[in-house]
């Protein structure tokens, strides 16, 4: 198999996978949202957001996205000139969610303008096994299969250690994971499996399914012990700043359980190597007596 060495990543999670495989020097293009590892800011950026999400709150961002979908326009664009200049032979993208990354259709349209025919790999993980498999696929295409196997084995080993430590737990709390604050979105795809891995029960189990919008009245009908705010694209600080303005209405008025905010962008939204860190964060939150905190200050916080 030909090894593909000039890599353009159109996903923050794919960028993390490439770097974890030791191929950072092979990255010739990344997205405007790629921020990990820290030293990738030298790499050309080939995408931009058509919505200024930094200055809008959750409700405003949601409205802009829905309007863009209604109009048939995307929320991200590709700079075809930069894409052409970097001459990638492998482009990593996805079709899973047009809110999370540039649309697959836009990728195809941009590639038609390029000289040559780069290979396109669309990563579509829906659960933790798929995430590990995605790392393996990128590894095989880039001649890094051994590195990919090591990463996968490490993730599985750490998951097994968590499960072994939870064999004798007496109670499994019911957890609601919110992927968006206003309107509320229930976390789907791999997030419910992250919850069940740490011995908790999903109040709404969307395993292998997309996240979905919910009504506050609907959430009132469920018994919920813990709410996890794992907001897609938000770090811990932004979640903590925005949450008080959305903590309104009958659900929050009647809710007496605990609330925790996490760095959703780093550890939950991106299906890459750091998903295991997200699972370990959940273990610390839900079973603190078994898992003393080891994660950094910016990873999670209880909301008073």
Protein backbone atom coordinates (compact mmCIF):
# COMPACT_ATOMS: atom_id res chain seq x y z
CA UNK A 1 0.00 0.00 0.00
CA UNK A 2 1.27 3.43 -0.91
CA UNK A 3 2.03 5.50 2.19
CA UNK A 4 0.36 8.89 2.12
CA UNK A 5 2.65 11.49 3.63
CA UNK A 6 1.16 14.94 2.92
CA UNK A 7 -1.88 15.09 5.16
CA UNK A 8 -4.61 17.72 5.30
CA UNK A 9 -6.87 17.33 8.30
CA UNK A 10 -10.34 18.88 8.11
CA UNK A 11 -11.22 17.67 11.62
CA UNK A 12 -9.73 18.64 14.98
CA UNK A 13 -10.05 14.99 16.05
CA UNK A 14 -8.17 13.83 12.94
CA UNK A 15 -5.43 16.35 13.64
CA UNK A 16 -5.08 14.88 17.12
CA UNK A 17 -4.94 11.36 15.67
CA UNK A 18 -2.22 12.31 13.17
CA UNK A 19 -0.12 13.95 15.88
CA UNK A 20 -0.61 11.03 18.28
CA UNK A 21 0.75 8.77 15.54
CA UNK A 22 3.90 10.88 15.45
CA UNK A 23 3.08 12.42 12.06
CA UNK A 24 2.89 16.07 13.03
CA UNK A 25 5.55 16.95 10.44
CA UNK A 26 3.36 15.39 7.75
CA UNK A 27 0.47 17.76 8.41
CA UNK A 28 0.33 20.32 5.61
CA UNK A 29 -3.12 21.73 6.39
CA UNK A 30 -5.54 21.94 9.33
CA UNK A 31 -8.81 23.65 10.26
CA UNK A 32 -9.37 26.93 12.08
CA UNK A 33 -10.62 24.91 15.08
CA UNK A 34 -7.55 22.69 15.43
CA UNK A 35 -5.88 23.69 18.70
CA UNK A 36 -4.22 20.53 20.00
CA UNK A 37 -1.39 19.81 20.39
CA UNK A 38 -0.32 23.36 21.12
CA UNK A 39 2.50 23.64 18.60
CA UNK A 40 0.42 23.15 15.42
CA UNK A 41 -0.24 26.86 14.91
CA UNK A 42 2.55 26.95 12.28
CA UNK A 43 0.52 24.74 9.91
CA UNK A 44 -1.56 26.41 7.15
CA UNK A 45 -5.26 26.77 7.99
CA UNK A 46 -7.56 25.81 5.12
CA UNK A 47 -11.03 26.45 6.61
CA UNK A 48 -12.96 29.27 8.21
CA UNK A 49 -16.29 29.65 9.98
CA UNK A 50 -19.01 31.66 8.30
CA UNK A 51 -20.56 32.28 11.73
CA UNK A 52 -18.76 34.26 14.44
CA UNK A 53 -19.33 31.77 17.24
CA UNK A 54 -16.94 33.50 19.64
CA UNK A 55 -19.29 36.45 20.26
CA UNK A 56 -22.64 34.63 20.22
CA UNK A 57 -24.34 32.64 22.94
CA UNK A 58 -25.77 29.12 22.56
CA UNK A 59 -29.19 30.27 21.44
CA UNK A 60 -27.78 32.67 18.84
CA UNK A 61 -25.38 30.06 17.45
CA UNK A 62 -28.21 27.54 17.21
CA UNK A 63 -30.39 30.05 15.35
CA UNK A 64 -27.61 30.86 12.88
CA UNK A 65 -26.97 27.17 12.20
CA UNK A 66 -30.66 26.40 11.66
CA UNK A 67 -31.01 29.38 9.34
CA UNK A 68 -27.98 28.26 7.33
CA UNK A 69 -29.47 24.77 7.02
CA UNK A 70 -32.80 26.26 5.93
CA UNK A 71 -31.06 28.38 3.29
CA UNK A 72 -29.06 25.40 2.05
CA UNK A 73 -25.73 27.02 2.89
CA UNK A 74 -22.94 25.66 5.05
CA UNK A 75 -21.41 27.19 8.15
CA UNK A 76 -17.79 26.52 7.15
CA UNK A 77 -15.83 27.17 3.97
CA UNK A 78 -12.61 25.83 2.46
CA UNK A 79 -9.94 28.13 1.08
CA UNK A 80 -9.35 26.41 -2.24
CA UNK A 81 -6.23 28.46 -2.97
CA UNK A 82 -4.51 27.31 0.21
CA UNK A 83 -5.72 23.74 -0.28
CA UNK A 84 -4.20 23.74 -3.76
CA UNK A 85 -0.92 25.21 -2.60
CA UNK A 86 -0.30 22.57 0.10
CA UNK A 87 -0.73 19.66 -2.38
CA UNK A 88 -2.10 17.01 0.03
CA UNK A 89 -2.16 13.37 -0.96
CA UNK A 90 -4.49 12.46 1.95
CA UNK A 91 -7.45 14.50 3.17
CA UNK A 92 -9.14 13.48 6.42
CA UNK A 93 -12.77 14.55 6.71
CA UNK A 94 -16.19 13.35 7.88
CA UNK A 95 -19.86 13.09 6.90
CA UNK A 96 -21.15 12.56 10.43
CA UNK A 97 -22.15 16.15 11.29
CA UNK A 98 -22.11 19.33 9.20
CA UNK A 99 -22.24 21.40 12.41
CA UNK A 100 -18.94 19.93 13.59
CA UNK A 101 -16.86 20.36 10.44
CA UNK A 102 -16.89 21.43 6.82
CA UNK A 103 -19.43 19.44 4.80
CA UNK A 104 -18.32 16.46 2.75
CA UNK A 105 -19.92 18.04 -0.31
CA UNK A 106 -17.73 21.12 0.10
CA UNK A 107 -14.67 18.89 0.38
CA UNK A 108 -15.55 17.11 -2.86
CA UNK A 109 -16.16 20.39 -4.67
CA UNK A 110 -12.80 21.77 -3.53
CA UNK A 111 -10.93 18.64 -4.55
CA UNK A 112 -12.26 18.85 -8.11
CA UNK A 113 -10.25 22.06 -8.48
CA UNK A 114 -6.98 20.45 -7.41
CA UNK A 115 -4.18 19.14 -9.57
CA UNK A 116 -3.83 15.45 -8.86
CA UNK A 117 -6.21 13.18 -6.99
CA UNK A 118 -5.67 13.10 -3.24
CA UNK A 119 -7.24 10.25 -1.33
CA UNK A 120 -10.18 11.22 0.86
CA UNK A 121 -10.79 9.35 4.10
CA UNK A 122 -14.10 10.07 5.78
CA UNK A 123 -14.03 9.15 9.48
CA UNK A 124 -17.47 8.21 10.82
CA UNK A 125 -17.11 6.84 14.37
CA UNK A 126 -20.32 6.23 16.29
CA UNK A 127 -18.89 4.54 19.39
CA UNK A 128 -15.62 3.97 21.23
CA UNK A 129 -14.67 0.92 19.17
CA UNK A 130 -15.17 2.97 16.00
CA UNK A 131 -12.89 5.67 17.38
CA UNK A 132 -10.12 3.13 17.98
CA UNK A 133 -10.73 1.68 14.51
CA UNK A 134 -10.46 5.19 12.98
CA UNK A 135 -7.02 5.58 14.53
CA UNK A 136 -6.07 2.22 13.04
CA UNK A 137 -7.28 3.19 9.56
CA UNK A 138 -5.25 6.41 9.57
CA UNK A 139 -2.29 4.40 10.84
CA UNK A 140 -2.50 1.92 7.97
CA UNK A 141 -2.74 4.64 5.32
CA UNK A 142 0.27 6.47 6.70
CA UNK A 143 2.57 3.57 7.52
CA UNK A 144 1.95 3.97 11.26
CA UNK A 145 0.07 0.79 12.07
CA UNK A 146 2.24 -0.13 15.07
CA UNK A 147 1.76 3.31 16.60
CA UNK A 148 -2.01 3.05 16.03
CA UNK A 149 -2.12 -0.37 17.67
CA UNK A 150 -0.26 1.00 20.69
CA UNK A 151 -2.73 3.87 21.06
CA UNK A 152 -5.71 1.52 20.74
CA UNK A 153 -4.26 -0.93 23.26
CA UNK A 154 -3.67 1.91 25.74
CA UNK A 155 -7.27 3.10 25.44
CA UNK A 156 -8.64 -0.41 25.97
CA UNK A 157 -6.34 -1.06 28.93
CA UNK A 158 -7.42 2.13 30.69
CA UNK A 159 -11.09 1.33 30.06
CA UNK A 160 -10.63 -2.17 31.49
CA UNK A 161 -8.99 -0.74 34.61
CA UNK A 162 -11.98 1.52 35.17
CA UNK A 163 -14.44 -1.34 34.73
CA UNK A 164 -12.48 -3.57 37.09
CA UNK A 165 -12.53 -0.87 39.76
CA UNK A 166 -16.32 -0.58 39.45
CA UNK A 167 -17.24 -4.24 39.80
CA UNK A 168 -18.54 -3.85 43.36
CA UNK A 169 -20.41 -0.52 43.10
CA UNK A 170 -23.80 -0.62 44.80
CA UNK A 171 -25.59 2.10 42.83
CA UNK A 172 -25.57 3.38 39.27
CA UNK A 173 -26.60 7.05 39.11
CA UNK A 174 -28.80 8.27 36.27
CA UNK A 175 -26.93 10.82 34.19
CA UNK A 176 -28.11 13.38 31.65
CA UNK A 177 -25.37 14.62 29.32
CA UNK A 178 -26.13 17.93 27.62
CA UNK A 179 -24.19 18.59 24.43
CA UNK A 180 -25.76 22.04 24.01
CA UNK A 181 -27.25 24.49 26.52
CA UNK A 182 -29.93 26.47 24.69
CA UNK A 183 -31.83 24.69 23.31
CA UNK A 184 -30.82 21.55 25.21
CA UNK A 185 -29.29 18.76 23.15
CA UNK A 186 -28.85 15.28 24.59
CA UNK A 187 -25.42 13.83 23.84
CA UNK A 188 -25.31 10.92 21.39
CA UNK A 189 -22.91 8.75 19.38
CA UNK A 190 -20.03 7.69 21.69
CA UNK A 191 -21.01 9.87 24.68
CA UNK A 192 -23.65 7.48 26.12
CA UNK A 193 -21.09 4.67 25.99
CA UNK A 194 -18.66 6.88 27.90
CA UNK A 195 -21.32 7.25 30.60
CA UNK A 196 -22.09 3.52 30.79
CA UNK A 197 -18.37 2.67 30.87
CA UNK A 198 -18.06 4.43 34.25
CA UNK A 199 -20.94 2.53 35.80
CA UNK A 200 -23.70 5.09 35.30
CA UNK A 201 -27.04 4.90 33.50
CA UNK A 202 -27.98 7.24 30.68
CA UNK A 203 -31.23 9.03 31.40
CA UNK A 204 -31.60 9.06 27.60
CA UNK A 205 -29.58 6.41 25.80
CA UNK A 206 -28.60 7.59 22.32
CA UNK A 207 -25.75 5.11 21.90
CA UNK A 208 -24.67 5.00 18.22
CA UNK A 209 -27.28 7.66 17.45
CA UNK A 210 -26.83 11.39 16.76
CA UNK A 211 -27.35 13.86 19.57
CA UNK A 212 -30.82 15.36 19.48
CA UNK A 213 -32.65 18.43 20.61
CA UNK A 214 -34.93 18.00 23.60
CA UNK A 215 -37.66 20.05 25.22
CA UNK A 216 -37.24 21.05 28.84
CA UNK A 217 -40.71 19.61 29.55
CA UNK A 218 -39.49 16.25 28.24
CA UNK A 219 -36.48 16.33 30.57
CA UNK A 220 -38.79 16.99 33.51
CA UNK A 221 -40.27 13.51 33.08
CA UNK A 222 -37.03 11.68 33.86
CA UNK A 223 -35.37 10.90 37.17
CA UNK A 224 -31.89 12.41 36.90
CA UNK A 225 -29.17 12.30 39.55
CA UNK A 226 -26.40 14.12 37.72
CA UNK A 227 -26.24 16.52 34.78
CA UNK A 228 -23.00 16.68 32.80
CA UNK A 229 -22.52 19.82 30.68
CA UNK A 230 -20.29 18.58 27.85
CA UNK A 231 -20.95 21.35 25.37
CA UNK A 232 -19.77 20.72 21.83
CA UNK A 233 -17.03 23.18 20.91
CA UNK A 234 -16.94 24.85 24.36
CA UNK A 235 -14.12 24.58 26.86
CA UNK A 236 -14.76 24.54 30.60
CA UNK A 237 -14.41 28.29 31.08
CA UNK A 238 -16.90 29.20 28.36
CA UNK A 239 -19.40 26.63 29.63
CA UNK A 240 -19.20 28.00 33.17
CA UNK A 241 -19.65 31.57 31.90
CA UNK A 242 -22.67 30.77 29.76
CA UNK A 243 -24.50 28.22 31.92
CA UNK A 244 -26.03 30.65 34.48
CA UNK A 245 -27.96 32.50 31.75
CA UNK A 246 -29.47 29.21 30.50
CA UNK A 247 -30.24 27.76 33.95
CA UNK A 248 -33.81 28.98 33.83
CA UNK A 249 -37.29 27.46 33.71
CA UNK A 250 -39.23 24.59 35.33
CA UNK A 251 -36.57 21.91 34.82
CA UNK A 252 -33.85 23.78 36.64
CA UNK A 253 -36.31 25.12 39.23
CA UNK A 254 -37.23 21.57 40.22
CA UNK A 255 -33.87 19.87 39.72
CA UNK A 256 -32.08 18.99 42.97
CA UNK A 257 -29.25 16.79 41.70
CA UNK A 258 -25.64 17.68 41.00
CA UNK A 259 -24.33 19.54 37.94
CA UNK A 260 -20.83 19.27 36.51
CA UNK A 261 -19.26 21.13 33.61
CA UNK A 262 -16.44 19.63 31.54
CA UNK A 263 -14.17 20.74 28.73
CA UNK A 264 -16.43 19.31 26.05
CA UNK A 265 -14.27 20.46 23.16
CA UNK A 266 -11.16 18.65 24.36
CA UNK A 267 -12.49 15.45 25.89
CA UNK A 268 -16.00 14.70 24.60
CA UNK A 269 -16.80 16.28 21.22
CA UNK A 270 -13.72 15.02 19.37
CA UNK A 271 -13.58 11.29 18.59
CA UNK A 272 -9.83 10.92 18.95
CA UNK A 273 -7.16 9.70 21.38
CA UNK A 274 -8.25 12.00 24.22
CA UNK A 275 -11.67 10.33 24.46
CA UNK A 276 -10.14 8.08 27.13
CA UNK A 277 -9.33 11.20 29.16
CA UNK A 278 -13.01 12.09 28.96
CA UNK A 279 -13.97 8.67 30.30
CA UNK A 280 -11.52 9.06 33.19
CA UNK A 281 -12.95 12.51 33.93
CA UNK A 282 -16.43 10.98 34.18
CA UNK A 283 -15.09 8.32 36.54
CA UNK A 284 -13.67 11.05 38.80
CA UNK A 285 -16.97 12.95 38.76
CA UNK A 286 -19.33 10.03 39.34
CA UNK A 287 -17.19 7.88 41.67
CA UNK A 288 -14.82 10.26 43.50
CA UNK A 289 -14.21 7.78 46.33
CA UNK A 290 -12.86 5.23 43.85
CA UNK A 291 -11.14 7.61 41.44
CA UNK A 292 -9.36 10.51 43.19
CA UNK A 293 -8.97 13.47 40.89
CA UNK A 294 -5.92 13.36 38.61
CA UNK A 295 -7.20 15.42 35.67
CA UNK A 296 -6.12 19.09 35.34
CA UNK A 297 -8.05 22.02 36.78
CA UNK A 298 -9.40 23.04 33.39
CA UNK A 299 -10.88 19.60 32.66
CA UNK A 300 -13.99 19.72 34.85
CA UNK A 301 -15.68 21.51 37.70
CA UNK A 302 -18.75 21.07 39.85
CA UNK A 303 -21.27 23.82 39.29
CA UNK A 304 -22.56 25.39 42.49
